[in-house]
Amino acid sequence: MAEIEQLVHTLKRQLRKQGKTYKDVAAELGLSEPSVKRLFASHNFALDRLVQIANLLGFTLAELAQEAAASTHRLHHLTLAQEKELVSDTRLLLVAACALNHWTFDDIIKAYRFTQAECLKKLLRLDRLGLIALLPGNRIRLNVARDFDWIAHGPIKQFFREQWLHDFLDGAFADDDEAMVFSHGMLTEAAIEKIHVEIKKLRQRFAELHEESLASPLPKRRGTGLLMALREWEPDGFAKLRMAK
């Protein structure tokens, strides 16, 4: 991706994240909204325009360039040691979860029992782990890719299974915005592979909607879990009735 494309992509992502629109940019630049849309579509930005928009978003031009460069080197996984460190400290894991959901420093200390110093200490640990970059003003920049995932069978997923899975599944799933769907059938290997492809697409779409939702203020967003499971499976009661091989 060309440098100007990286910058424009970063500007768009930050606009969504901060809940700002082309109308806000137009007001800042003294242009009409259609003119701003054409600027973003053509990527034809004069340097002073880039500086103005960056400042509107709370960045210097240098910081915007750093943000754009960092976006091309996002993490897809942590290491085993990094995951172990996260699960060793529940409060650190909580701050990590908040950061991954694009909470700000102020959001965290308003919602949870952290002093500013305690929260800052946790964020600095996450910075050392590479999960985030802690910027001036306690701003949090995520260093993870859209398709970021925890290690298969790693500490985080094991922690979820042992500590949280029962609690998650214990809900009634009866409200209009809740759902639990279970299907069972006899599938070929080719059909199973197609299901895996569809699950991957759904996960990607979930990540896209998560990013789109950043345009709304935090009180309008709700922590939402999506659990998908697929494996060869037979109820234990059925398996006990099988003929011996």
Foldseek 3Di string as FASTA:
>chain_A
DDLLLLLLVLLVLLCLLQLHDLCVLCVQVVHDSVVSVVCSVVSPDDPVSSQSSCVVSVHGSVVSSVLSVLQVQADQEFDLVLLVVLVVDVVLVVLLVCVVLVHALVRVVVVDVDDSVRSVVSVVVCVVSVQWPQDPPRGTGGRHHLNRDYDVVGDVVVCCVVPPPCVVVVDPQPDPPGDDDDDDDDDDPVVVVVVVVVVSVVSSVVSVVSSNCSSDDPVVDDDDDDDDDDDDDDPPVVVVPDDDD
